[in-house]
PDB file of N, CA and C in Angstrom:
ATOM      1  N   MET A   1       3.596  -0.997 -55.328  1.00  0.00           N
ATOM      2  CA  MET A   1       2.707  -0.623 -56.421  1.00  0.00           C
ATOM      3  C   MET A   1       3.500  -0.690 -57.723  1.00  0.00           C
ATOM      4  N   SER A   2       2.941  -1.389 -58.709  1.00  0.00           N
ATOM      5  CA  SER A   2       3.602  -1.384 -60.010  1.00  0.00           C
ATOM      6  C   SER A   2       2.984  -0.277 -60.859  1.00  0.00           C
ATOM      7  N   MET A   3       3.809   0.311 -61.678  1.00  0.00           N
ATOM      8  CA  MET A   3       3.373   1.447 -62.493  1.00  0.00           C
ATOM      9  C   MET A   3       3.420   1.038 -63.958  1.00  0.00           C
ATOM     10  N   LEU A   4       2.300   1.136 -64.629  1.00  0.00           N
ATOM     11  CA  LEU A   4       2.248   0.882 -66.063  1.00  0.00           C
ATOM     12  C   LEU A   4       2.644   2.167 -66.773  1.00  0.00           C
ATOM     13  N   VAL A   5       3.625   2.087 -67.651  1.00  0.00           N
ATOM     14  CA  VAL A   5       4.101   3.259 -68.391  1.00  0.00           C
ATOM     15  C   VAL A   5       4.053   2.920 -69.869  1.00  0.00           C
ATOM     16  N   VAL A   6       3.323   3.735 -70.632  1.00  0.00           N
ATOM     17  CA  VAL A   6       3.178   3.487 -72.068  1.00  0.00           C
ATOM     18  C   VAL A   6       3.432   4.767 -72.865  1.00  0.00           C
ATOM     19  N   THR A   7       3.833   4.601 -74.104  1.00  0.00           N
ATOM     20  CA  THR A   7       4.053   5.753 -74.972  1.00  0.00           C
ATOM     21  C   THR A   7       2.767   6.203 -75.648  1.00  0.00           C
ATOM     22  N   THR A   8       1.758   5.364 -75.607  1.00  0.00           N
ATOM     23  CA  THR A   8       0.466   5.695 -76.212  1.00  0.00           C
ATOM     24  C   THR A   8      -0.359   6.541 -75.246  1.00  0.00           C
ATOM     25  N   PHE A   9      -1.474   7.060 -75.735  1.00  0.00           N
ATOM     26  CA  PHE A   9      -2.343   7.869 -74.891  1.00  0.00           C
ATOM     27  C   PHE A   9      -3.565   7.098 -74.409  1.00  0.00           C
ATOM     28  N   GLU A  10      -3.646   5.838 -74.796  1.00  0.00           N
ATOM     29  CA  GLU A  10      -4.682   4.931 -74.322  1.00  0.00           C
ATOM     30  C   GLU A  10      -4.010   3.634 -73.918  1.00  0.00           C
ATOM     31  N   ILE A  11      -4.654   2.893 -73.024  1.00  0.00           N
ATOM     32  CA  ILE A  11      -4.127   1.607 -72.587  1.00  0.00           C
ATOM     33  C   ILE A  11      -5.157   0.546 -72.969  1.00  0.00           C
ATOM     34  N   PRO A  12      -4.828  -0.335 -73.889  1.00  0.00           N
ATOM     35  CA  PRO A  12      -5.791  -1.355 -74.308  1.00  0.00           C
ATOM     36  C   PRO A  12      -6.306  -2.173 -73.121  1.00  0.00           C
ATOM     37  N   GLY A  13      -7.626  -2.332 -73.067  1.00  0.00           N
ATOM     38  CA  GLY A  13      -8.250  -3.107 -71.999  1.00  0.00           C
ATOM     39  C   GLY A  13      -8.449  -2.334 -70.708  1.00  0.00           C
ATOM     40  N   MET A  14      -8.082  -1.061 -70.715  1.00  0.00           N
ATOM     41  CA  MET A  14      -8.237  -0.247 -69.515  1.00  0.00           C
ATOM     42  C   MET A  14      -8.889   1.080 -69.885  1.00  0.00           C
ATOM     43  N   ARG A  15      -9.496   1.680 -68.891  1.00  0.00           N
ATOM     44  CA  ARG A  15     -10.061   3.015 -69.098  1.00  0.00           C
ATOM     45  C   ARG A  15      -9.424   3.959 -68.088  1.00  0.00           C
ATOM     46  N   ILE A  16      -9.223   5.161 -68.501  1.00  0.00           N
ATOM     47  CA  ILE A  16      -8.632   6.166 -67.621  1.00  0.00           C
ATOM     48  C   ILE A  16      -9.760   6.801 -66.817  1.00  0.00           C
ATOM     49  N   THR A  17      -9.656   6.700 -65.497  1.00  0.00           N
ATOM     50  CA  THR A  17     -10.719   7.210 -64.628  1.00  0.00           C
ATOM     51  C   THR A  17     -10.367   8.555 -64.005  1.00  0.00           C
ATOM     52  N   ALA A  18      -9.081   8.904 -63.998  1.00  0.00           N
ATOM     53  CA  ALA A  18      -8.664  10.194 -63.443  1.00  0.00           C
ATOM     54  C   ALA A  18      -7.334  10.593 -64.057  1.00  0.00           C
ATOM     55  N   CYS A  19      -7.199  11.875 -64.276  1.00  0.00           N
ATOM     56  CA  CYS A  19      -5.939  12.430 -64.777  1.00  0.00           C
ATOM     57  C   CYS A  19      -5.292  13.202 -63.634  1.00  0.00           C
ATOM     58  N   LYS A  20      -4.058  12.827 -63.297  1.00  0.00           N
ATOM     59  CA  LYS A  20      -3.358  13.455 -62.175  1.00  0.00           C
ATOM     60  C   LYS A  20      -2.408  14.559 -62.619  1.00  0.00           C
ATOM     61  N   GLY A  21      -2.156  14.644 -63.923  1.00  0.00           N
ATOM     62  CA  GLY A  21      -1.343  15.742 -64.436  1.00  0.00           C
ATOM     63  C   GLY A  21       0.026  15.328 -64.949  1.00  0.00           C
ATOM     64  N   LEU A  22       0.758  16.329 -65.355  1.00  0.00           N
ATOM     65  CA  LEU A  22       2.094  16.147 -65.917  1.00  0.00           C
ATOM     66  C   LEU A  22       3.056  15.638 -64.846  1.00  0.00           C
ATOM     67  N   VAL A  23       3.857  14.643 -65.217  1.00  0.00           N
ATOM     68  CA  VAL A  23       4.914  14.147 -64.336  1.00  0.00           C
ATOM     69  C   VAL A  23       6.211  14.114 -65.121  1.00  0.00           C
ATOM     70  N   ARG A  24       7.327  14.269 -64.386  1.00  0.00           N
ATOM     71  CA  ARG A  24       8.613  14.280 -65.069  1.00  0.00           C
ATOM     72  C   ARG A  24       9.705  13.801 -64.132  1.00  0.00           C
ATOM     73  N   GLY A  25      10.780  13.401 -64.773  1.00  0.00           N
ATOM     74  CA  GLY A  25      12.002  13.050 -64.062  1.00  0.00           C
ATOM     75  C   GLY A  25      13.147  13.590 -64.884  1.00  0.00           C
ATOM     76  N   ILE A  26      14.157  14.138 -64.245  1.00  0.00           N
ATOM     77  CA  ILE A  26      15.262  14.754 -64.975  1.00  0.00           C
ATOM     78  C   ILE A  26      16.580  14.380 -64.312  1.00  0.00           C
ATOM     79  N   THR A  27      17.591  14.194 -65.119  1.00  0.00           N
ATOM     80  CA  THR A  27      18.932  13.960 -64.618  1.00  0.00           C
ATOM     81  C   THR A  27      19.930  14.638 -65.544  1.00  0.00           C
ATOM     82  N   VAL A  28      21.063  14.978 -64.999  1.00  0.00           N
ATOM     83  CA  VAL A  28      22.162  15.528 -65.793  1.00  0.00           C
ATOM     84  C   VAL A  28      23.365  14.640 -65.524  1.00  0.00           C
ATOM     85  N   ARG A  29      23.962  14.139 -66.574  1.00  0.00           N
ATOM     86  CA  ARG A  29      25.087  13.219 -66.454  1.00  0.00           C
ATOM     87  C   ARG A  29      26.242  13.680 -67.322  1.00  0.00           C
ATOM     88  N   ALA A  30      27.418  13.205 -66.955  1.00  0.00           N
ATOM     89  CA  ALA A  30      28.624  13.431 -67.749  1.00  0.00           C
ATOM     90  C   ALA A  30      29.454  12.157 -67.694  1.00  0.00           C
ATOM     91  N   PRO A  31      30.100  11.814 -68.791  1.00  0.00           N
ATOM     92  CA  PRO A  31      30.975  10.637 -68.761  1.00  0.00           C
ATOM     93  C   PRO A  31      32.203  10.918 -67.909  1.00  0.00           C
ATOM     94  N   ASN A  32      32.770   9.853 -67.313  1.00  0.00           N
ATOM     95  CA  ASN A  32      34.001  10.050 -66.561  1.00  0.00           C
ATOM     96  C   ASN A  32      35.177  10.198 -67.533  1.00  0.00           C
ATOM     97  N   ILE A  33      36.338  10.487 -67.022  1.00  0.00           N
ATOM     98  CA  ILE A  33      37.501  10.765 -67.870  1.00  0.00           C
ATOM     99  C   ILE A  33      37.854   9.575 -68.752  1.00  0.00           C
ATOM    100  N   GLY A  34      37.731   8.375 -68.213  1.00  0.00           N
ATOM    101  CA  GLY A  34      38.039   7.176 -69.000  1.00  0.00           C
ATOM    102  C   GLY A  34      37.060   6.991 -70.150  1.00  0.00           C
ATOM    103  N   GLN A  35      35.774   7.202 -69.868  1.00  0.00           N
ATOM    104  CA  GLN A  35      34.763   7.074 -70.916  1.00  0.00           C
ATOM    105  C   GLN A  35      34.961   8.125 -71.986  1.00  0.00           C
ATOM    106  N   SER A  36      35.309   9.343 -71.585  1.00  0.00           N
ATOM    107  CA  SER A  36      35.548  10.416 -72.558  1.00  0.00           C
ATOM    108  C   SER A  36      36.753  10.096 -73.439  1.00  0.00           C
ATOM    109  N   PHE A  37      37.797   9.570 -72.826  1.00  0.00           N
ATOM    110  CA  PHE A  37      39.006   9.227 -73.579  1.00  0.00           C
ATOM    111  C   PHE A  37      38.710   8.133 -74.594  1.00  0.00           C
ATOM    112  N   LEU A  38      38.026   7.069 -74.143  1.00  0.00           N
ATOM    113  CA  LEU A  38      37.696   5.976 -75.053  1.00  0.00           C
ATOM    114  C   LEU A  38      36.760   6.437 -76.164  1.00  0.00           C
ATOM    115  N   ALA A  39      35.838   7.320 -75.829  1.00  0.00           N
ATOM    116  CA  ALA A  39      34.927   7.849 -76.847  1.00  0.00           C
ATOM    117  C   ALA A  39      35.696   8.660 -77.887  1.00  0.00           C
ATOM    118  N   GLY A  40      36.685   9.427 -77.427  1.00  0.00           N
ATOM    119  CA  GLY A  40      37.505  10.197 -78.353  1.00  0.00           C
ATOM    120  C   GLY A  40      38.273   9.298 -79.304  1.00  0.00           C
ATOM    121  N   LEU A  41      38.818   8.216 -78.790  1.00  0.00           N
ATOM    122  CA  LEU A  41      39.527   7.257 -79.650  1.00  0.00           C
ATOM    123  C   LEU A  41      38.574   6.610 -80.650  1.00  0.00           C
ATOM    124  N   ARG A  42      37.387   6.232 -80.162  1.00  0.00           N
ATOM    125  CA  ARG A  42      36.396   5.601 -81.042  1.00  0.00           C
ATOM    126  C   ARG A  42      35.932   6.586 -82.114  1.00  0.00           C
ATOM    127  N   GLY A  43      35.887   7.865 -81.747  1.00  0.00           N
ATOM    128  CA  GLY A  43      35.466   8.886 -82.704  1.00  0.00           C
ATOM    129  C   GLY A  43      36.417   9.017 -83.878  1.00  0.00           C
ATOM    130  N   ILE A  44      37.679   8.688 -83.672  1.00  0.00           N
ATOM    131  CA  ILE A  44      38.663   8.762 -84.759  1.00  0.00           C
ATOM    132  C   ILE A  44      38.382   7.691 -85.799  1.00  0.00           C
ATOM    133  N   SER A  45      38.078   6.482 -85.325  1.00  0.00           N
ATOM    134  CA  SER A  45      37.889   5.365 -86.257  1.00  0.00           C
ATOM    135  C   SER A  45      36.430   5.125 -86.613  1.00  0.00           C
ATOM    136  N   GLY A  46      35.512   5.709 -85.869  1.00  0.00           N
ATOM    137  CA  GLY A  46      34.084   5.523 -86.134  1.00  0.00           C
ATOM    138  C   GLY A  46      33.564   4.281 -85.432  1.00  0.00           C
ATOM    139  N   GLY A  47      32.273   4.173 -85.334  1.00  0.00           N
ATOM    140  CA  GLY A  47      31.655   3.006 -84.726  1.00  0.00           C
ATOM    141  C   GLY A  47      30.906   3.337 -83.447  1.00  0.00           C
ATOM    142  N   ARG A  48      30.363   2.291 -82.874  1.00  0.00           N
ATOM    143  CA  ARG A  48      29.562   2.399 -81.647  1.00  0.00           C
ATOM    144  C   ARG A  48      30.468   2.705 -80.460  1.00  0.00           C
ATOM    145  N   VAL A  49      30.050   3.639 -79.629  1.00  0.00           N
ATOM    146  CA  VAL A  49      30.818   4.022 -78.448  1.00  0.00           C
ATOM    147  C   VAL A  49      30.095   3.445 -77.235  1.00  0.00           C
ATOM    148  N   GLY A  50      30.414   2.196 -76.919  1.00  0.00           N
ATOM    149  CA  GLY A  50      29.716   1.453 -75.870  1.00  0.00           C
ATOM    150  C   GLY A  50      29.740   2.127 -74.514  1.00  0.00           C
ATOM    151  N   SER A  51      30.858   2.763 -74.159  1.00  0.00           N
ATOM    152  CA  SER A  51      30.943   3.391 -72.838  1.00  0.00           C
ATOM    153  C   SER A  51      29.967   4.557 -72.722  1.00  0.00           C
ATOM    154  N   LEU A  52      29.746   5.282 -73.801  1.00  0.00           N
ATOM    155  CA  LEU A  52      28.788   6.393 -73.750  1.00  0.00           C
ATOM    156  C   LEU A  52      27.349   5.893 -73.830  1.00  0.00           C
ATOM    157  N   VAL A  53      27.140   4.774 -74.518  1.00  0.00           N
ATOM    158  CA  VAL A  53      25.805   4.168 -74.534  1.00  0.00           C
ATOM    159  C   VAL A  53      25.402   3.809 -73.108  1.00  0.00           C
ATOM    160  N   THR A  54      26.353   3.277 -72.347  1.00  0.00           N
ATOM    161  CA  THR A  54      26.096   2.926 -70.951  1.00  0.00           C
ATOM    162  C   THR A  54      25.694   4.153 -70.139  1.00  0.00           C
ATOM    163  N   VAL A  55      26.386   5.267 -70.337  1.00  0.00           N
ATOM    164  CA  VAL A  55      26.056   6.512 -69.630  1.00  0.00           C
ATOM    165  C   VAL A  55      24.648   6.970 -70.010  1.00  0.00           C
ATOM    166  N   CYS A  56      24.332   6.919 -71.290  1.00  0.00           N
ATOM    167  CA  CYS A  56      23.008   7.363 -71.761  1.00  0.00           C
ATOM    168  C   CYS A  56      21.894   6.467 -71.220  1.00  0.00           C
ATOM    169  N   GLU A  57      22.104   5.163 -71.234  1.00  0.00           N
ATOM    170  CA  GLU A  57      21.089   4.243 -70.713  1.00  0.00           C
ATOM    171  C   GLU A  57      20.853   4.467 -69.221  1.00  0.00           C
ATOM    172  N   ALA A  58      21.916   4.684 -68.471  1.00  0.00           N
ATOM    173  CA  ALA A  58      21.771   4.943 -67.037  1.00  0.00           C
ATOM    174  C   ALA A  58      21.001   6.237 -66.801  1.00  0.00           C
ATOM    175  N   ALA A  59      21.256   7.250 -67.609  1.00  0.00           N
ATOM    176  CA  ALA A  59      20.555   8.524 -67.473  1.00  0.00           C
ATOM    177  C   ALA A  59      19.069   8.361 -67.783  1.00  0.00           C
ATOM    178  N   ARG A  60      18.741   7.627 -68.836  1.00  0.00           N
ATOM    179  CA  ARG A  60      17.329   7.403 -69.175  1.00  0.00           C
ATOM    180  C   ARG A  60      16.617   6.641 -68.064  1.00  0.00           C
ATOM    181  N   GLU A  61      17.288   5.618 -67.533  1.00  0.00           N
ATOM    182  CA  GLU A  61      16.691   4.811 -66.471  1.00  0.00           C
ATOM    183  C   GLU A  61      16.437   5.655 -65.221  1.00  0.00           C
ATOM    184  N   GLU A  62      17.391   6.512 -64.869  1.00  0.00           N
ATOM    185  CA  GLU A  62      17.229   7.377 -63.695  1.00  0.00           C
ATOM    186  C   GLU A  62      16.076   8.357 -63.895  1.00  0.00           C
ATOM    187  N   ALA A  63      15.988   8.971 -65.070  1.00  0.00           N
ATOM    188  CA  ALA A  63      14.906   9.916 -65.355  1.00  0.00           C
ATOM    189  C   ALA A  63      13.551   9.208 -65.323  1.00  0.00           C
ATOM    190  N   LEU A  64      13.486   7.996 -65.879  1.00  0.00           N
ATOM    191  CA  LEU A  64      12.241   7.229 -65.879  1.00  0.00           C
ATOM    192  C   LEU A  64      11.814   6.891 -64.455  1.00  0.00           C
ATOM    193  N   LEU A  65      12.746   6.454 -63.627  1.00  0.00           N
ATOM    194  CA  LEU A  65      12.429   6.118 -62.241  1.00  0.00           C
ATOM    195  C   LEU A  65      11.924   7.340 -61.476  1.00  0.00           C
ATOM    196  N   GLN A  66      12.546   8.487 -61.683  1.00  0.00           N
ATOM    197  CA  GLN A  66      12.085   9.716 -61.025  1.00  0.00           C
ATOM    198  C   GLN A  66      10.666  10.064 -61.468  1.00  0.00           C
ATOM    199  N   MET A  67      10.379   9.895 -62.770  1.00  0.00           N
ATOM    200  CA  MET A  67       9.046  10.190 -63.285  1.00  0.00           C
ATOM    201  C   MET A  67       8.012   9.252 -62.663  1.00  0.00           C
ATOM    202  N   VAL A  68       8.329   7.964 -62.588  1.00  0.00           N
ATOM    203  CA  VAL A  68       7.421   6.982 -61.992  1.00  0.00           C
ATOM    204  C   VAL A  68       7.165   7.327 -60.521  1.00  0.00           C
ATOM    205  N   ASN A  69       8.203   7.697 -59.797  1.00  0.00           N
ATOM    206  CA  ASN A  69       8.034   8.089 -58.395  1.00  0.00           C
ATOM    207  C   ASN A  69       7.165   9.340 -58.262  1.00  0.00           C
ATOM    208  N   HIS A  70       7.334  10.288 -59.200  1.00  0.00           N
ATOM    209  CA  HIS A  70       6.506  11.494 -59.193  1.00  0.00           C
ATOM    210  C   HIS A  70       5.037  11.110 -59.394  1.00  0.00           C
ATOM    211  N   ALA A  71       4.777  10.209 -60.363  1.00  0.00           N
ATOM    212  CA  ALA A  71       3.405   9.771 -60.634  1.00  0.00           C
ATOM    213  C   ALA A  71       2.809   9.062 -59.417  1.00  0.00           C
ATOM    214  N   ALA A  72       3.582   8.205 -58.773  1.00  0.00           N
ATOM    215  CA  ALA A  72       3.097   7.487 -57.593  1.00  0.00           C
ATOM    216  C   ALA A  72       2.758   8.456 -56.468  1.00  0.00           C
ATOM    217  N   SER A  73       3.553   9.507 -56.329  1.00  0.00           N
ATOM    218  CA  SER A  73       3.289  10.488 -55.265  1.00  0.00           C
ATOM    219  C   SER A  73       1.985  11.239 -55.493  1.00  0.00           C
ATOM    220  N   LEU A  74       1.504  11.252 -56.728  1.00  0.00           N
ATOM    221  CA  LEU A  74       0.225  11.901 -57.039  1.00  0.00           C
ATOM    222  C   LEU A  74      -0.949  10.928 -56.947  1.00  0.00           C
ATOM    223  N   GLY A  75      -0.661   9.657 -56.666  1.00  0.00           N
ATOM    224  CA  GLY A  75      -1.725   8.662 -56.564  1.00  0.00           C
ATOM    225  C   GLY A  75      -2.058   7.978 -57.876  1.00  0.00           C
ATOM    226  N   ALA A  76      -1.212   8.104 -58.874  1.00  0.00           N
ATOM    227  CA  ALA A  76      -1.454   7.473 -60.171  1.00  0.00           C
ATOM    228  C   ALA A  76      -0.995   6.019 -60.146  1.00  0.00           C
ATOM    229  N   ASN A  77      -1.581   5.219 -61.037  1.00  0.00           N
ATOM    230  CA  ASN A  77      -1.103   3.847 -61.198  1.00  0.00           C
ATOM    231  C   ASN A  77      -0.587   3.593 -62.617  1.00  0.00           C
ATOM    232  N   ALA A  78      -0.571   4.668 -63.432  1.00  0.00           N
ATOM    233  CA  ALA A  78      -0.071   4.535 -64.802  1.00  0.00           C
ATOM    234  C   ALA A  78       0.391   5.898 -65.309  1.00  0.00           C
ATOM    235  N   VAL A  79       1.241   5.850 -66.318  1.00  0.00           N
ATOM    236  CA  VAL A  79       1.668   7.062 -67.031  1.00  0.00           C
ATOM    237  C   VAL A  79       1.452   6.803 -68.510  1.00  0.00           C
ATOM    238  N   VAL A  80       0.740   7.709 -69.158  1.00  0.00           N
ATOM    239  CA  VAL A  80       0.521   7.605 -70.601  1.00  0.00           C
ATOM    240  C   VAL A  80       1.311   8.706 -71.310  1.00  0.00           C
ATOM    241  N   GLY A  81       1.608   8.471 -72.576  1.00  0.00           N
ATOM    242  CA  GLY A  81       2.291   9.476 -73.387  1.00  0.00           C
ATOM    243  C   GLY A  81       3.744   9.695 -72.997  1.00  0.00           C
ATOM    244  N   LEU A  82       4.417   8.635 -72.523  1.00  0.00           N
ATOM    245  CA  LEU A  82       5.831   8.776 -72.134  1.00  0.00           C
ATOM    246  C   LEU A  82       6.656   9.312 -73.293  1.00  0.00           C
ATOM    247  N   ARG A  83       7.476  10.288 -73.000  1.00  0.00           N
ATOM    248  CA  ARG A  83       8.424  10.838 -73.971  1.00  0.00           C
ATOM    249  C   ARG A  83       9.741  11.088 -73.254  1.00  0.00           C
ATOM    250  N   TYR A  84      10.809  11.041 -74.026  1.00  0.00           N
ATOM    251  CA  TYR A  84      12.135  11.420 -73.541  1.00  0.00           C
ATOM    252  C   TYR A  84      12.593  12.629 -74.326  1.00  0.00           C
ATOM    253  N   ASP A  85      13.356  13.463 -73.687  1.00  0.00           N
ATOM    254  CA  ASP A  85      14.006  14.587 -74.350  1.00  0.00           C
ATOM    255  C   ASP A  85      15.412  14.656 -73.779  1.00  0.00           C
ATOM    256  N   SER A  86      16.340  15.104 -74.585  1.00  0.00           N
ATOM    257  CA  SER A  86      17.712  15.233 -74.092  1.00  0.00           C
ATOM    258  C   SER A  86      18.376  16.413 -74.770  1.00  0.00           C
ATOM    259  N   GLY A  87      19.407  16.891 -74.134  1.00  0.00           N
ATOM    260  CA  GLY A  87      20.148  18.006 -74.689  1.00  0.00           C
ATOM    261  C   GLY A  87      21.446  18.195 -73.939  1.00  0.00           C
ATOM    262  N   GLU A  88      22.293  19.005 -74.497  1.00  0.00           N
ATOM    263  CA  GLU A  88      23.574  19.305 -73.875  1.00  0.00           C
ATOM    264  C   GLU A  88      23.402  20.474 -72.915  1.00  0.00           C
ATOM    265  N   VAL A  89      24.074  20.376 -71.777  1.00  0.00           N
ATOM    266  CA  VAL A  89      24.015  21.427 -70.773  1.00  0.00           C
ATOM    267  C   VAL A  89      25.433  21.948 -70.558  1.00  0.00           C
ATOM    268  N   GLY A  90      25.626  23.231 -70.734  1.00  0.00           N
ATOM    269  CA  GLY A  90      26.948  23.816 -70.517  1.00  0.00           C
ATOM    270  C   GLY A  90      27.954  23.392 -71.573  1.00  0.00           C
ATOM    271  N   THR A  91      29.218  23.546 -71.235  1.00  0.00           N
ATOM    272  CA  THR A  91      30.282  23.239 -72.191  1.00  0.00           C
ATOM    273  C   THR A  91      31.164  22.081 -71.732  1.00  0.00           C
ATOM    274  N   GLY A  92      30.792  21.428 -70.640  1.00  0.00           N
ATOM    275  CA  GLY A  92      31.641  20.376 -70.087  1.00  0.00           C
ATOM    276  C   GLY A  92      31.261  18.972 -70.501  1.00  0.00           C
ATOM    277  N   GLY A  93      30.447  18.816 -71.548  1.00  0.00           N
ATOM    278  CA  GLY A  93      30.036  17.483 -71.959  1.00  0.00           C
ATOM    279  C   GLY A  93      28.921  16.907 -71.115  1.00  0.00           C
ATOM    280  N   PHE A  94      28.162  17.778 -70.449  1.00  0.00           N
ATOM    281  CA  PHE A  94      27.047  17.323 -69.624  1.00  0.00           C
ATOM    282  C   PHE A  94      25.819  17.114 -70.497  1.00  0.00           C
ATOM    283  N   ALA A  95      25.078  16.055 -70.199  1.00  0.00           N
ATOM    284  CA  ALA A  95      23.863  15.765 -70.945  1.00  0.00           C
ATOM    285  C   ALA A  95      22.674  15.725 -69.993  1.00  0.00           C
ATOM    286  N   GLU A  96      21.612  16.388 -70.398  1.00  0.00           N
ATOM    287  CA  GLU A  96      20.366  16.395 -69.643  1.00  0.00           C
ATOM    288  C   GLU A  96      19.426  15.389 -70.289  1.00  0.00           C
ATOM    289  N   VAL A  97      18.774  14.566 -69.474  1.00  0.00           N
ATOM    290  CA  VAL A  97      17.757  13.649 -69.978  1.00  0.00           C
ATOM    291  C   VAL A  97      16.490  13.891 -69.173  1.00  0.00           C
ATOM    292  N   LEU A  98      15.400  14.085 -69.874  1.00  0.00           N
ATOM    293  CA  LEU A  98      14.101  14.346 -69.272  1.00  0.00           C
ATOM    294  C   LEU A  98      13.129  13.265 -69.726  1.00  0.00           C
ATOM    295  N   ALA A  99      12.437  12.642 -68.791  1.00  0.00           N
ATOM    296  CA  ALA A  99      11.337  11.724 -69.090  1.00  0.00           C
ATOM    297  C   ALA A  99      10.066  12.405 -68.611  1.00  0.00           C
ATOM    298  N   TYR A 100       9.021  12.410 -69.449  1.00  0.00           N
ATOM    299  CA  TYR A 100       7.782  13.052 -69.021  1.00  0.00           C
ATOM    300  C   TYR A 100       6.574  12.370 -69.638  1.00  0.00           C
ATOM    301  N   GLY A 101       5.453  12.542 -69.005  1.00  0.00           N
ATOM    302  CA  GLY A 101       4.203  11.962 -69.466  1.00  0.00           C
ATOM    303  C   GLY A 101       3.062  12.485 -68.620  1.00  0.00           C
ATOM    304  N   THR A 102       1.917  11.840 -68.757  1.00  0.00           N
ATOM    305  CA  THR A 102       0.727  12.222 -67.992  1.00  0.00           C
ATOM    306  C   THR A 102       0.382  11.113 -67.016  1.00  0.00           C
ATOM    307  N   ALA A 103       0.340  11.448 -65.740  1.00  0.00           N
ATOM    308  CA  ALA A 103      -0.024  10.497 -64.702  1.00  0.00           C
ATOM    309  C   ALA A 103      -1.533  10.321 -64.698  1.00  0.00           C
ATOM    310  N   VAL A 104      -1.974   9.059 -64.641  1.00  0.00           N
ATOM    311  CA  VAL A 104      -3.403   8.765 -64.661  1.00  0.00           C
ATOM    312  C   VAL A 104      -3.720   7.637 -63.694  1.00  0.00           C
ATOM    313  N   VAL A 105      -4.993   7.517 -63.394  1.00  0.00           N
ATOM    314  CA  VAL A 105      -5.498   6.335 -62.705  1.00  0.00           C
ATOM    315  C   VAL A 105      -6.252   5.546 -63.773  1.00  0.00           C
ATOM    316  N   ALA A 106      -5.865   4.299 -63.949  1.00  0.00           N
ATOM    317  CA  ALA A 106      -6.473   3.440 -64.973  1.00  0.00           C
ATOM    318  C   ALA A 106      -7.074   2.212 -64.295  1.00  0.00           C
ATOM    319  N   ALA A 107      -8.223   1.800 -64.817  1.00  0.00           N
ATOM    320  CA  ALA A 107      -8.924   0.626 -64.286  1.00  0.00           C
ATOM    321  C   ALA A 107      -9.297  -0.282 -65.444  1.00  0.00           C
ATOM    322  N   PRO A 108      -9.356  -1.591 -65.187  1.00  0.00           N
ATOM    323  CA  PRO A 108      -9.767  -2.511 -66.253  1.00  0.00           C
ATOM    324  C   PRO A 108     -11.168  -2.185 -66.765  1.00  0.00           C
ATOM    325  N   CYS A 109     -11.373  -2.340 -68.052  1.00  0.00           N
ATOM    326  CA  CYS A 109     -12.703  -2.162 -68.638  1.00  0.00           C
ATOM    327  C   CYS A 109     -13.602  -3.298 -68.146  1.00  0.00           C
ATOM    328  N   VAL A 110     -14.829  -2.950 -67.860  1.00  0.00           N
ATOM    329  CA  VAL A 110     -15.771  -3.950 -67.350  1.00  0.00           C
ATOM    330  C   VAL A 110     -16.606  -4.487 -68.472  1.00  0.00           C
TER     331      VAL A 110
END
């Protein structure tokens, strides 16, 4: 089953026939020692910290996949209103990433 995920609350060309409710996926990640060291060096000179971007992208992807699986378990074929939220957890450089939206059943407009 493919899952349509959109940030909007409507899907062009489709109508929402059922609302299955709130769905979410969450992960907590931390960079490894090498990534932290390289980020610290990059922080001195400024610029893009590619190793941490990789960690953040992996966290977003994991949270999104968990959310999609949650929606599928409810019988949805789409998620509308996708949002991400993130924050720091604890003092060890841990980052929480949350993906959430509304699971729906959508059908093509006739």
